[in-house]
Each structure stands twice: as C-alpha cells, then as structure tokens.
C-alpha cells in the first residue's frame, strides 16, 4: 500500500503509526521508521499484531484495544523486548477510521529513573542498619533483578583475605546453586579473574565463556556452568580509605543483557560506605563491650549460697553505659549485693559508673556498714570528690548468726537510692511481699538526704534478684506492666538453676535486643 506522505506528520519529532479498524497499518512517518528500525514498505499494509507480536497480550495491546472500544485517548509507557529491546511511551488516540499512535523511545529517561530509584532504595535500606550481618544479607538482595539475575558479595577480612559472605539469585530454584558456587569459587580464581581485579580497585566486565574457561577448580567450574555461565561485571566496594570488597553481578548467560557499569559503581559506592560503617561500628561495639565488662568483674562466690550476675548492653546504643552490678563480702562476713544505674549511655556514664562502683566497694569494705550507711557515705563522697552525675542504686546485705545458720535462716536488709526494689522468691517459688519503705532520693541530688533500710528473714532456698530498669521499661509499656511481666517470668522459672533463670528472664523480657542496658545480680540461699 502506498500513500502520499503528509508533510505535517513527517515534520513531527515523534514517531507516528496509524492503523485502520482491521488493525492494518495505514501510515508510518519517517521518525517512526527510524525508531522502529523498519521501512514504510515493511510496515504499511501489514497487520499491526503480526508486525509487533509482543504487543498483543501486553500493556501496549490492552491499552490500544481499550482506546478503540472506549473512544478515549490514553498514554502507556512500557518495555518492548527484542528486536526493539527498548522502553517506549505511546499516546494512543482514537480516529474515526481506526487508531493513531504517537510514540517516542524513553529508554534513557527510564534508565535514569530506575537508577535513581534503585540508588534511593539502596541508600534508605542500608543507612537503616549498623549490624554487619544484616548489611551483608541485604546488599545482594537489594540489587537483583535491577542489576542482573544474581549478585555475590565479597568482603576482605582483617587479614586482607577475600570471603564470599552474601549471594542472591532472582530465580529461587538457583539460590542454593549460587550459594554452593560462592562457597568454592574464590580458591580457584586466577589473579586475572574479574572478582580478584575488582578487589584491587578495577571495574571489570567479562563474557561468561571467558570466566568459565579461567576457573581452575573443577567443582566451581561445574557449578558456574550449571548457573548458565552468565556474563560478569565485578565492581569494587570502596571504604573510607581502601577497597573493602567487591560486588559481582551475573547477567543472562553468555549472550544476556549486561549490567550498566555506571549504576553498578554508584550502588557499590553506597553499599561500600554502609558496609564500612557497619564494620567500624562492630569494632567500636566490641571495644566498648570489652571496656564495660572489664569494669564489671566477676564477683567472688558467697558462703551463703549461689551467685549469678548478668549484663546485656542496649542493642541501639554504643554498648557502653552506666549500669553495674557487684557482689562482695564485708569484713564481718556479710554478703553484699549491689545494683546501680548511672544516668547516660556513653563513655562518660561508664567512667562515672567505674568511680561509683569503686567508691561504694571501698566504703563498704572499710566501714562494714549497713546498706543505708553505705549509700549515705557514697552520696557524700560524690559531693566531696565532685563526681558530677546522678545515679540510682540498691544495696542488699545478707548475714546470719550461728543459730540462724543452723535453722536455715538468713537476714537481708536493703536500702534503695531511687532504685527499683529487689524481687524475692520463697523456697517454693512464690513472690514474697516486701515491707513498705519510703522512697529515697537518687545519688547526686542531696548528700544530706536521709537513707532508710528494710529487712526480711529468708529461708534456705529463697532467691533474691536485683536488676536495673532496662529489664522492665519499654517505650510502649508502662513500668507497672513491665514489673508484672518480670514477676510472672521469675515465678514461672523459679525451679530452674539460678544461672539458667537469669538467662531465660532476660530472653523473655528483652528478646536479645534491649532498649536500655540490663544488669542484674541474684543470690539463691543455701544453693
């Protein structure tokens, strides 16, 4: 079919195709020929659906049929695969004799939008975690399938040795295969392999066949072949001052579409920074926890029974803070338990905690005084030495006369400086009701404020537990509810060995991720 060229349609910067009601192409302008890669003679007179078979059951075809049926124009943007292999925006306009299609290729715009969207998602996902294991898990999953059909994450350890720590395949059936390949591929990689060169700072593209031929290890070669011998793009992961790893993108078998190197490098830049942040945070956390535990030494045992102490740092903080526990014998033989919490969650709080713990120990060991006097002495010492902080603390002293020991009885008296009361279980595992006591001020407020004591007589097999508020306080739960949960947990676990009871109580109440530091010290009498 031949028709006269329309000068207006030929002057348009958009591609134009017209079809009649039988879906036969009646016109294509010069821009349309250029975009579609076909001539007037190849298109005009042909059935549109035969010329563009992919469009039949896709968003293109559904939109065109809807426009013809409704008589209302619509715009569609979608990807057309081979032989065009590009993104198009099409304006479908109904005509009295059929349909007019105005279109342009928008691959560059769509690629830029997809790149920005991917980068934004990667940034948002990775800035939300400082957990190294979680960052390693997330990175490969974030980039598939936008950047290839699969991705492997390689990280250099502290000794500079590469380790494949993460992998993800877009095909669930191939994830185990990729995981097995990641487990064996690095030892068999030659120095010229893409991942090795990426670890040295290069961005490397390679055909799947070349990669397959260069693999020395038989098992790795077989697994790579089963993956389809995909093409490879290996990109370095930049840290603050060095390359810390590499991302290896696998795409579409030997002849599949390649991953855009620019996007891959930008993603790797964000991933590398997030991974480096997580590694630095992990190191700082380990150092902070080591510092904290060096301040919280393991207490000596008590002749009165079995002791247990636990410390769990806050999951969201720097893992160093002001919570402390202590247990020691005073000169006359009494066993003293201490629990305390300095305001703050930083090294300053930890330093203040170390000072208060040492001062309290010295006062108690020198004076052999009871809990109220020990706290009063500590408050005065803080004022005298200008220890500028606030803290809560509770001191409990356990002692018995020979007659009480023979009868299996122990006296406990305690004093609290703004701290939560102890939790006491009788030998049967029931909660003991504590005597009413006035609420004394925190340490550091008024060194002249009075201090009071409370007392109980306990039978052999009784358990006393002192804890910091991180065990029971939550952002979304009031303190009374938290204390009730603690009481339920402790009574339910009363028959367990003391160490197991402490571990399980922490697990049940904070599930391994406390919002605040958790410290506790417990004594089971006669155990």
Protein backbone atom coordinates (compact mmCIF):
# COMPACT_ATOMS: atom_id res chain seq x y z
CA UNK A 1 0.00 0.00 0.00
CA UNK A 2 1.33 3.38 -0.98
CA UNK A 3 0.03 6.72 0.19
CA UNK A 4 1.16 10.26 -0.11
CA UNK A 5 3.45 11.43 2.69
CA UNK A 6 1.88 14.03 4.96
CA UNK A 7 4.37 16.92 5.50
CA UNK A 8 2.95 17.72 8.95
CA UNK A 9 3.35 14.14 10.17
CA UNK A 10 6.80 13.91 8.59
CA UNK A 11 7.92 17.06 10.42
CA UNK A 12 6.94 15.73 13.84
CA UNK A 13 9.78 14.79 16.24
CA UNK A 14 7.61 11.85 17.39
CA UNK A 15 7.13 8.50 15.73
CA UNK A 16 3.67 8.08 14.21
CA UNK A 17 1.78 4.95 13.13
CA UNK A 18 -1.87 4.81 12.03
CA UNK A 19 -3.95 1.63 11.85
CA UNK A 20 -7.43 1.03 10.49
CA UNK A 21 -10.27 -0.80 12.20
CA UNK A 22 -8.91 -4.12 10.95
CA UNK A 23 -5.57 -3.32 12.65
CA UNK A 24 -3.74 -2.86 9.37
CA UNK A 25 -1.05 -0.22 9.33
CA UNK A 26 -2.01 2.66 7.03
CA UNK A 27 0.77 5.13 7.74
CA UNK A 28 4.21 5.44 9.38
CA UNK A 29 6.22 8.63 9.34
CA UNK A 30 9.98 8.95 8.91
CA UNK A 31 10.65 9.29 12.64
CA UNK A 32 8.60 6.15 13.22
CA UNK A 33 10.68 4.25 10.66
CA UNK A 34 13.87 5.39 12.38
CA UNK A 35 12.70 4.45 15.88
CA UNK A 36 11.23 1.07 14.87
CA UNK A 37 14.06 0.18 12.52
CA UNK A 38 11.64 -0.73 9.69
CA UNK A 39 10.72 0.96 6.41
CA UNK A 40 7.41 2.16 5.02
CA UNK A 41 7.30 -0.80 2.64
CA UNK A 42 7.81 -3.26 5.50
CA UNK A 43 5.07 -1.79 7.66
CA UNK A 44 2.32 -0.12 5.67
CA UNK A 45 -0.33 -2.64 4.68
CA UNK A 46 0.83 -5.22 7.22
CA UNK A 47 -1.20 -6.39 10.24
CA UNK A 48 -0.06 -4.48 13.31
CA UNK A 49 -0.24 -7.55 15.58
CA UNK A 50 1.90 -9.61 13.19
CA UNK A 51 4.44 -6.83 12.88
CA UNK A 52 4.60 -6.39 16.68
CA UNK A 53 3.54 -9.74 18.18
CA UNK A 54 4.78 -8.92 21.68
CA UNK A 55 2.23 -6.11 21.92
CA UNK A 56 -0.79 -8.41 21.62
CA UNK A 57 -1.12 -9.51 25.25
CA UNK A 58 0.88 -6.79 26.97
CA UNK A 59 0.13 -3.35 28.32
CA UNK A 60 0.55 -1.94 24.81
CA UNK A 61 -2.11 -4.14 23.22
CA UNK A 62 -4.54 -3.90 26.16
CA UNK A 63 -4.34 -0.10 26.06
CA UNK A 64 -4.86 0.09 22.28
CA UNK A 65 -7.94 -2.14 22.35
CA UNK A 66 -9.37 -0.15 25.29
CA UNK A 67 -8.91 3.13 23.39
CA UNK A 68 -10.70 1.74 20.33
CA UNK A 69 -13.55 0.40 22.49
CA UNK A 70 -13.96 3.49 24.68
CA UNK A 71 -13.14 6.24 22.23
CA UNK A 72 -10.89 7.91 24.84
CA UNK A 73 -7.17 8.58 24.34
CA UNK A 74 -4.63 7.02 26.72
CA UNK A 75 -0.88 7.03 27.26
CA UNK A 76 1.15 3.92 28.02
CA UNK A 77 4.83 3.51 28.92
CA UNK A 78 6.34 0.02 28.82
CA UNK A 79 9.29 -2.06 27.69
CA UNK A 80 9.29 -3.80 24.30
CA UNK A 81 11.78 -6.71 24.14
CA UNK A 82 13.83 -7.90 21.19
CA UNK A 83 14.15 -6.92 18.45
CA UNK A 84 13.45 -3.38 19.75
CA UNK A 85 14.73 -4.00 23.31
CA UNK A 86 13.80 -0.50 24.47
CA UNK A 87 11.32 1.49 26.55
CA UNK A 88 8.58 3.42 24.71
CA UNK A 89 5.98 5.99 25.63
CA UNK A 90 2.94 5.78 23.34
CA UNK A 91 -0.04 8.14 23.09
CA UNK A 92 -2.96 6.17 21.61
CA UNK A 93 -5.65 8.43 20.08
CA UNK A 94 -8.91 7.09 18.58
CA UNK A 95 -9.78 8.08 14.99
CA UNK A 96 -12.95 7.65 13.02
CA UNK A 97 -11.22 5.08 10.81
CA UNK A 98 -9.02 3.42 13.43
CA UNK A 99 -6.23 4.41 15.79
CA UNK A 100 -3.28 6.82 15.79
CA UNK A 101 -0.17 6.03 17.79
CA UNK A 102 2.30 8.81 18.70
CA UNK A 103 5.43 7.36 20.29
CA UNK A 104 8.98 8.05 21.35
CA UNK A 105 11.77 6.00 22.81
CA UNK A 106 12.28 6.80 26.52
CA UNK A 107 14.94 4.23 27.41
CA UNK A 108 17.47 6.82 28.59
CA UNK A 109 14.92 8.58 30.78
CA UNK A 110 13.56 5.34 32.17
CA UNK A 111 17.08 4.02 32.86
CA UNK A 112 17.91 7.23 34.72
CA UNK A 113 14.68 6.98 36.73
CA UNK A 114 15.34 3.34 37.55
CA UNK A 115 18.91 4.16 38.54
CA UNK A 116 17.79 6.94 40.86
CA UNK A 117 15.06 4.74 42.33
CA UNK A 118 17.50 1.87 42.92
CA UNK A 119 20.09 4.17 44.48
CA UNK A 120 17.46 5.74 46.74
CA UNK A 121 16.24 2.32 47.84
CA UNK A 122 19.77 1.03 48.46
CA UNK A 123 20.62 4.15 50.43
CA UNK A 124 17.45 4.02 52.51
CA UNK A 125 17.80 0.30 53.25
CA UNK A 126 21.47 0.34 54.16
CA UNK A 127 21.54 3.52 56.22
CA UNK A 128 18.93 1.90 58.46
CA UNK A 129 21.31 -0.73 59.84
CA UNK A 130 24.68 -0.77 61.58
CA UNK A 131 24.54 -4.52 62.01
CA UNK A 132 27.27 -6.11 59.87
CA UNK A 133 25.47 -9.43 59.39
CA UNK A 134 22.25 -7.67 58.37
CA UNK A 135 24.10 -5.39 55.92
CA UNK A 136 25.77 -8.41 54.29
CA UNK A 137 22.39 -10.14 53.99
CA UNK A 138 20.64 -7.14 52.47
CA UNK A 139 23.09 -5.91 49.84
CA UNK A 140 22.82 -8.70 47.20
CA UNK A 141 19.02 -8.83 47.56
CA UNK A 142 18.67 -5.09 47.01
CA UNK A 143 20.24 -5.10 43.54
CA UNK A 144 18.58 -8.16 41.98
CA UNK A 145 16.89 -8.17 39.46
CA UNK A 146 17.53 -4.50 38.58
CA UNK A 147 21.26 -5.20 38.20
CA UNK A 148 21.47 -8.67 36.78
CA UNK A 149 19.94 -12.01 37.58
CA UNK A 150 22.26 -12.67 40.53
CA UNK A 151 24.80 -10.97 42.78
CA UNK A 152 27.65 -12.10 45.03
CA UNK A 153 29.18 -10.02 47.82
CA UNK A 154 32.86 -10.47 48.63
CA UNK A 155 34.44 -8.85 51.70
CA UNK A 156 38.11 -8.58 52.68
CA UNK A 157 38.67 -9.70 56.26
CA UNK A 158 41.06 -8.04 58.70
CA UNK A 159 43.96 -10.04 57.23
CA UNK A 160 43.11 -8.99 53.66
CA UNK A 161 41.71 -12.38 52.66
CA UNK A 162 38.58 -12.36 50.47
CA UNK A 163 35.47 -14.15 51.64
CA UNK A 164 32.13 -14.51 49.86
CA UNK A 165 29.66 -13.54 52.59
CA UNK A 166 26.45 -12.92 50.65
CA UNK A 167 24.67 -14.06 47.49
CA UNK A 168 21.24 -13.81 45.92
CA UNK A 169 19.66 -15.16 42.73
CA UNK A 170 16.46 -13.84 41.20
CA UNK A 171 15.41 -17.43 40.45
CA UNK A 172 14.55 -19.18 43.76
CA UNK A 173 15.41 -22.54 42.20
CA UNK A 174 19.01 -21.39 41.64
CA UNK A 175 19.73 -19.77 45.02
CA UNK A 176 21.16 -22.92 46.57
CA UNK A 177 23.27 -23.49 43.45
CA UNK A 178 24.64 -19.94 43.67
CA UNK A 179 25.32 -20.38 47.39
CA UNK A 180 27.34 -23.54 46.70
CA UNK A 181 29.26 -21.77 43.93
CA UNK A 182 30.06 -18.87 46.29
CA UNK A 183 31.38 -21.35 48.86
CA UNK A 184 34.04 -22.75 46.50
CA UNK A 185 34.77 -20.17 43.79
CA UNK A 186 37.45 -17.93 45.34
CA UNK A 187 40.26 -20.52 45.87
CA UNK A 188 40.02 -21.46 42.19
CA UNK A 189 40.08 -17.92 40.82
CA UNK A 190 43.21 -16.82 38.91
CA UNK A 191 44.76 -13.42 39.54
CA UNK A 192 43.21 -12.10 36.32
CA UNK A 193 39.66 -13.11 37.35
CA UNK A 194 37.13 -10.22 37.48
CA UNK A 195 36.48 -10.52 41.23
CA UNK A 196 40.21 -10.54 42.04
CA UNK A 197 40.82 -7.47 39.89
CA UNK A 198 37.80 -5.74 41.44
CA UNK A 199 39.30 -6.33 44.89
CA UNK A 200 42.35 -4.46 43.57
CA UNK A 201 40.17 -1.49 42.58
CA UNK A 202 39.17 -2.18 38.95
CA UNK A 203 35.73 -2.42 37.39
CA UNK A 204 35.81 -5.49 35.15
CA UNK A 205 33.38 -6.91 32.57
CA UNK A 206 33.79 -10.41 31.17
CA UNK A 207 31.92 -12.88 28.99
CA UNK A 208 30.63 -15.96 30.74
CA UNK A 209 32.60 -18.25 28.45
CA UNK A 210 35.85 -16.48 29.33
CA UNK A 211 35.09 -16.68 33.05
CA UNK A 212 34.23 -20.37 32.75
CA UNK A 213 37.45 -21.16 30.89
CA UNK A 214 39.57 -19.40 33.52
CA UNK A 215 38.17 -21.22 36.59
CA UNK A 216 40.72 -23.77 37.84
CA UNK A 217 38.60 -25.63 40.38
CA UNK A 218 36.55 -28.44 38.84
CA UNK A 219 33.64 -28.10 41.28
CA UNK A 220 33.46 -24.31 40.86
CA UNK A 221 33.59 -24.67 37.07
CA UNK A 222 30.76 -27.23 37.08
CA UNK A 223 28.58 -25.09 39.32
CA UNK A 224 29.20 -21.98 37.20
CA UNK A 225 28.23 -23.93 34.09
CA UNK A 226 25.01 -25.04 35.81
CA UNK A 227 24.26 -21.39 36.51
CA UNK A 228 24.34 -20.84 32.74
CA UNK A 229 27.86 -19.38 32.53
CA UNK A 230 26.48 -15.84 32.89
CA UNK A 231 28.31 -12.68 31.91
CA UNK A 232 30.08 -10.94 34.79
CA UNK A 233 30.51 -7.38 35.98
CA UNK A 234 32.77 -7.10 39.04
CA UNK A 235 32.84 -3.76 40.88
CA UNK A 236 35.00 -2.75 43.87
CA UNK A 237 33.35 -1.81 47.16
CA UNK A 238 35.08 1.38 48.30
CA UNK A 239 35.53 2.04 52.00
CA UNK A 240 36.73 5.28 53.54
CA UNK A 241 40.38 4.73 52.76
CA UNK A 242 40.62 1.43 50.88
CA UNK A 243 38.71 -1.17 48.91
CA UNK A 244 36.90 -3.40 51.38
CA UNK A 245 35.32 -5.89 48.99
CA UNK A 246 33.60 -6.39 45.65
CA UNK A 247 30.17 -6.95 44.12
CA UNK A 248 29.94 -9.48 41.31
CA UNK A 249 26.85 -9.12 39.11
CA UNK A 250 25.80 -12.08 36.94
CA UNK A 251 23.59 -11.42 33.95
CA UNK A 252 21.67 -13.52 31.48
CA UNK A 253 24.03 -16.28 30.40
CA UNK A 254 26.76 -15.90 27.77
CA UNK A 255 24.69 -13.64 25.48
CA UNK A 256 22.43 -11.97 28.05
CA UNK A 257 22.00 -8.24 28.57
CA UNK A 258 24.79 -6.57 30.50
CA UNK A 259 24.57 -4.65 33.76
CA UNK A 260 25.06 -0.89 33.45
CA UNK A 261 28.55 -0.23 34.93
CA UNK A 262 27.71 3.35 35.98
CA UNK A 263 24.73 2.25 38.06
CA UNK A 264 26.69 -0.69 39.46
CA UNK A 265 29.53 1.58 40.61
CA UNK A 266 27.11 4.03 42.23
CA UNK A 267 25.36 1.19 44.07
CA UNK A 268 28.73 -0.23 45.12
CA UNK A 269 29.74 3.18 46.48
CA UNK A 270 26.71 3.31 48.75
CA UNK A 271 26.99 -0.33 49.73
CA UNK A 272 30.70 0.02 50.47
CA UNK A 273 30.13 3.01 52.74
CA UNK A 274 27.31 1.21 54.59
CA UNK A 275 29.43 -1.92 54.99
CA UNK A 276 32.40 0.10 56.20
CA UNK A 277 30.17 1.91 58.71
CA UNK A 278 28.84 -1.41 59.96
CA UNK A 279 32.35 -2.83 60.33
CA UNK A 280 33.59 0.24 62.20
CA UNK A 281 30.55 0.17 64.45
CA UNK A 282 31.06 -3.54 65.14
CA UNK A 283 34.66 -2.89 66.17
CA UNK A 284 33.70 0.04 68.39
CA UNK A 285 30.94 -2.04 69.92
CA UNK A 286 33.35 -4.87 70.70
CA UNK A 287 35.81 -2.44 72.27
CA UNK A 288 33.05 -0.76 74.26
CA UNK A 289 31.69 -4.06 75.49
CA UNK A 290 35.19 -5.20 76.47
CA UNK A 291 35.62 -1.93 78.40
CA UNK A 292 32.26 -2.39 80.10
CA UNK A 293 32.99 -5.97 81.09
CA UNK A 294 36.45 -5.03 82.36
CA UNK A 295 34.70 -2.67 84.76
CA UNK A 296 32.18 -5.34 85.74
CA UNK A 297 34.45 -8.06 87.05
CA UNK A 298 33.11 -11.47 88.01
CA UNK A 299 32.27 -11.39 91.73
CA UNK A 300 33.59 -13.94 94.20
CA UNK A 301 31.21 -16.56 95.47
CA UNK A 302 29.24 -16.33 98.69
CA UNK A 303 29.29 -18.82 101.56
CA UNK A 304 25.54 -18.19 101.89
CA UNK A 305 24.58 -19.58 98.51
CA UNK A 306 24.97 -19.37 94.72
CA UNK A 307 25.55 -16.04 92.96
CA UNK A 308 24.70 -15.10 89.39
CA UNK A 309 25.36 -11.83 87.55
CA UNK A 310 24.37 -10.75 84.04
CA UNK A 311 24.96 -7.69 81.87
CA UNK A 312 23.34 -7.10 78.46
CA UNK A 313 24.12 -3.81 76.66
CA UNK A 314 21.46 -1.84 74.83
CA UNK A 315 21.03 -3.00 71.23
CA UNK A 316 20.72 0.55 69.84
CA UNK A 317 23.41 2.27 71.90
CA UNK A 318 27.19 2.17 71.83
CA UNK A 319 27.11 -0.91 74.11
CA UNK A 320 28.72 1.02 76.92
CA UNK A 321 26.83 2.76 79.68
CA UNK A 322 26.24 3.27 83.37
CA UNK A 323 24.56 0.08 84.58
CA UNK A 324 26.54 -2.00 87.07
CA UNK A 325 26.27 -4.92 89.45
CA UNK A 326 28.52 -6.05 92.29
CA UNK A 327 28.72 -8.73 94.97
CA UNK A 328 31.34 -8.97 97.69
CA UNK A 329 31.90 -9.98 101.31
CA UNK A 330 32.22 -7.31 104.02
CA UNK A 331 34.77 -7.66 106.85
CA UNK A 332 32.33 -9.22 109.33
CA UNK A 333 31.39 -11.90 106.77
CA UNK A 334 28.13 -10.48 105.40
CA UNK A 335 27.48 -10.89 101.67
CA UNK A 336 26.56 -7.61 99.95
CA UNK A 337 24.83 -7.30 96.59
CA UNK A 338 24.77 -4.01 94.67
CA UNK A 339 22.87 -2.90 91.58
CA UNK A 340 23.17 0.58 90.10
CA UNK A 341 22.46 2.75 87.08
CA UNK A 342 24.30 5.98 86.24
CA UNK A 343 22.40 8.42 84.01
CA UNK A 344 23.61 8.20 80.39
CA UNK A 345 24.70 5.70 77.73
CA UNK A 346 28.21 6.72 76.77
CA UNK A 347 31.81 6.53 77.89
CA UNK A 348 31.23 9.34 80.40
CA UNK A 349 28.50 7.28 82.04
CA UNK A 350 30.79 4.22 82.05
CA UNK A 351 33.59 6.24 83.63
CA UNK A 352 31.24 7.59 86.32
CA UNK A 353 29.95 4.08 86.90
CA UNK A 354 33.50 2.84 87.47
CA UNK A 355 34.10 5.61 90.01
CA UNK A 356 30.87 4.95 91.94
CA UNK A 357 31.38 1.20 91.97
CA UNK A 358 34.90 1.57 93.35
CA UNK A 359 33.84 4.18 95.92
CA UNK A 360 30.96 2.05 97.14
CA UNK A 361 33.20 -1.01 97.45
CA UNK A 362 35.76 0.96 99.43
CA UNK A 363 33.17 2.45 101.79
CA UNK A 364 31.51 -0.92 102.40
CA UNK A 365 34.81 -2.78 102.89
CA UNK A 366 36.28 -0.18 105.27
CA UNK A 367 33.24 0.62 107.36
CA UNK A 368 31.49 -2.75 107.41
CA UNK A 369 28.36 -0.57 107.48
CA UNK A 370 24.82 -1.50 106.54
CA UNK A 371 23.20 -0.61 103.20
CA UNK A 372 21.74 2.78 104.21
CA UNK A 373 25.03 3.99 105.67
CA UNK A 374 26.96 2.76 102.62
CA UNK A 375 24.68 4.75 100.31
CA UNK A 376 24.87 7.81 102.55
CA UNK A 377 28.68 7.58 102.53
CA UNK A 378 28.71 7.21 98.74
CA UNK A 379 26.49 10.27 98.29
CA UNK A 380 28.79 12.36 100.50
CA UNK A 381 31.91 11.07 98.72
CA UNK A 382 30.40 12.06 95.36
CA UNK A 383 29.85 15.59 96.64
CA UNK A 384 33.33 15.83 98.17
CA UNK A 385 35.09 14.50 95.05
CA UNK A 386 32.84 16.49 92.65
CA UNK A 387 31.59 13.40 90.82
CA UNK A 388 29.09 15.31 88.74
CA UNK A 389 26.49 12.70 87.90
CA UNK A 390 23.22 11.18 89.05
CA UNK A 391 22.62 7.52 89.72
CA UNK A 392 20.19 5.08 91.24
CA UNK A 393 21.48 2.21 93.35
CA UNK A 394 20.29 -0.52 95.69
CA UNK A 395 22.42 -2.31 98.29
CA UNK A 396 21.35 -5.57 99.95
CA UNK A 397 23.28 -7.15 102.86
CA UNK A 398 22.85 -10.83 103.80
CA UNK A 399 24.03 -12.18 107.16
CA UNK A 400 23.23 -14.81 109.77
CA UNK A 401 24.16 -15.77 113.30
CA UNK A 402 25.28 -19.34 114.04
CA UNK A 403 21.79 -20.04 115.40
CA UNK A 404 20.17 -18.68 112.23
CA UNK A 405 22.54 -20.71 110.08
CA UNK A 406 21.58 -23.85 111.99
CA UNK A 407 17.92 -23.07 111.45
CA UNK A 408 18.45 -22.37 107.73
CA UNK A 409 17.58 -18.68 108.07
CA UNK A 410 19.26 -15.57 106.66
CA UNK A 411 18.53 -11.92 107.37
CA UNK A 412 18.58 -9.48 104.48
CA UNK A 413 18.35 -5.73 104.80
CA UNK A 414 18.46 -3.36 101.88
CA UNK A 415 18.38 0.31 101.04
CA UNK A 416 17.49 1.97 97.74
CA UNK A 417 18.58 5.32 96.33
CA UNK A 418 15.77 5.82 93.83
CA UNK A 419 16.18 2.29 92.52
CA UNK A 420 13.61 -0.42 91.86
CA UNK A 421 13.02 -2.77 94.82
CA UNK A 422 14.50 -6.29 94.87
CA UNK A 423 12.43 -9.27 93.83
CA UNK A 424 12.28 -12.07 96.45
CA UNK A 425 11.09 -15.66 95.98
CA UNK A 426 10.48 -18.10 98.83
CA UNK A 427 11.78 -21.70 98.54
CA UNK A 428 8.52 -22.75 96.85
CA UNK A 429 9.00 -20.12 94.12
CA UNK A 430 6.31 -17.73 95.36
CA UNK A 431 6.87 -13.99 95.46
CA UNK A 432 7.47 -12.54 98.92
CA UNK A 433 5.68 -9.32 99.72
CA UNK A 434 8.19 -6.63 100.69
CA UNK A 435 7.69 -4.26 103.63
CA UNK A 436 6.63 -0.73 102.78
CA UNK A 437 9.57 1.69 102.65
CA UNK A 438 9.98 5.41 101.94
CA UNK A 439 11.31 6.45 98.54
CA UNK A 440 14.84 7.80 98.97
CA UNK A 441 16.50 10.28 96.60
CA UNK A 442 18.85 9.39 93.78
CA UNK A 443 22.57 9.65 94.42
CA UNK A 444 24.00 13.03 93.50
CA UNK A 445 20.91 15.12 94.37
CA UNK A 446 21.35 15.94 98.08
CA UNK A 447 24.18 14.31 100.07
CA UNK A 448 22.43 15.18 103.32
CA UNK A 449 19.16 13.39 102.49
CA UNK A 450 18.16 10.56 104.88
CA UNK A 451 18.58 6.91 103.90
CA UNK A 452 16.30 4.11 105.11
CA UNK A 453 16.51 0.34 105.32
CA UNK A 454 14.04 -2.53 105.01
CA UNK A 455 14.54 -6.07 106.26
CA UNK A 456 13.29 -9.65 105.80
CA UNK A 457 14.13 -13.06 107.23
CA UNK A 458 14.59 -15.62 104.45
CA UNK A 459 14.55 -19.40 104.48
CA UNK A 460 17.11 -21.65 102.83
CA UNK A 461 16.27 -21.92 99.10
CA UNK A 462 14.96 -18.35 98.82
CA UNK A 463 16.08 -16.28 95.81
CA UNK A 464 16.77 -12.53 95.74
CA UNK A 465 17.16 -10.71 92.43
CA UNK A 466 18.23 -7.08 91.93
CA UNK A 467 18.01 -5.55 88.45
CA UNK A 468 18.23 -2.29 86.52
CA UNK A 469 15.23 -0.70 84.83
CA UNK A 470 16.30 -1.79 81.35
CA UNK A 471 14.81 -5.19 82.14
CA UNK A 472 11.29 -3.84 82.63
CA UNK A 473 10.94 -0.42 80.99
CA UNK A 474 9.74 -0.07 77.38
CA UNK A 475 8.80 2.87 75.21
CA UNK A 476 5.31 1.46 74.65
CA UNK A 477 4.71 -0.22 78.05
CA UNK A 478 4.33 1.43 81.46
CA UNK A 479 6.58 0.45 84.36
CA UNK A 480 3.87 -1.40 86.32
CA UNK A 481 3.20 -3.64 83.34
CA UNK A 482 6.91 -4.31 82.95
CA UNK A 483 7.28 -5.23 86.62
CA UNK A 484 4.27 -7.54 86.39
CA UNK A 485 5.82 -9.29 83.37
CA UNK A 486 9.06 -9.72 85.30
CA UNK A 487 7.22 -11.18 88.30
CA UNK A 488 5.38 -13.65 86.06
CA UNK A 489 8.60 -14.72 84.33
CA UNK A 490 10.56 -15.19 87.55
CA UNK A 491 7.85 -17.22 89.26
CA UNK A 492 7.42 -19.38 86.16
CA UNK A 493 11.17 -20.07 86.13
CA UNK A 494 11.67 -20.39 89.89
CA UNK A 495 12.55 -24.08 89.69
CA UNK A 496 15.40 -23.55 87.22
CA UNK A 497 19.07 -23.35 88.26
CA UNK A 498 19.94 -19.75 89.13
CA UNK A 499 22.10 -19.01 86.07
CA UNK A 500 19.51 -20.51 83.74
CA UNK A 501 16.77 -18.49 85.45
CA UNK A 502 18.69 -15.24 84.88
CA UNK A 503 19.39 -16.03 81.22
CA UNK A 504 15.81 -17.01 80.48
CA UNK A 505 14.33 -13.98 82.27
CA UNK A 506 16.45 -11.65 80.10
CA UNK A 507 15.50 -13.54 76.95
CA UNK A 508 11.78 -13.48 77.73
CA UNK A 509 11.67 -9.80 78.62
CA UNK A 510 14.03 -8.21 76.07
CA UNK A 511 14.36 -10.95 73.39
CA UNK A 512 18.07 -10.26 72.93
CA UNK A 513 17.55 -6.61 71.88
CA UNK A 514 17.10 -4.46 74.99
CA UNK A 515 16.20 -0.80 74.53
CA UNK A 516 18.37 0.04 77.56
CA UNK A 517 21.27 -1.64 79.33
CA UNK A 518 20.25 -4.55 81.53
CA UNK A 519 22.20 -5.57 84.64
CA UNK A 520 21.14 -8.00 87.31
CA UNK A 521 22.61 -9.79 90.31
CA UNK A 522 20.95 -12.70 92.10
CA UNK A 523 21.59 -14.86 95.17
CA UNK A 524 19.96 -18.20 95.95
CA UNK A 525 20.45 -19.01 99.61
CA UNK A 526 21.89 -22.38 100.57
CA UNK A 527 22.26 -23.49 96.96
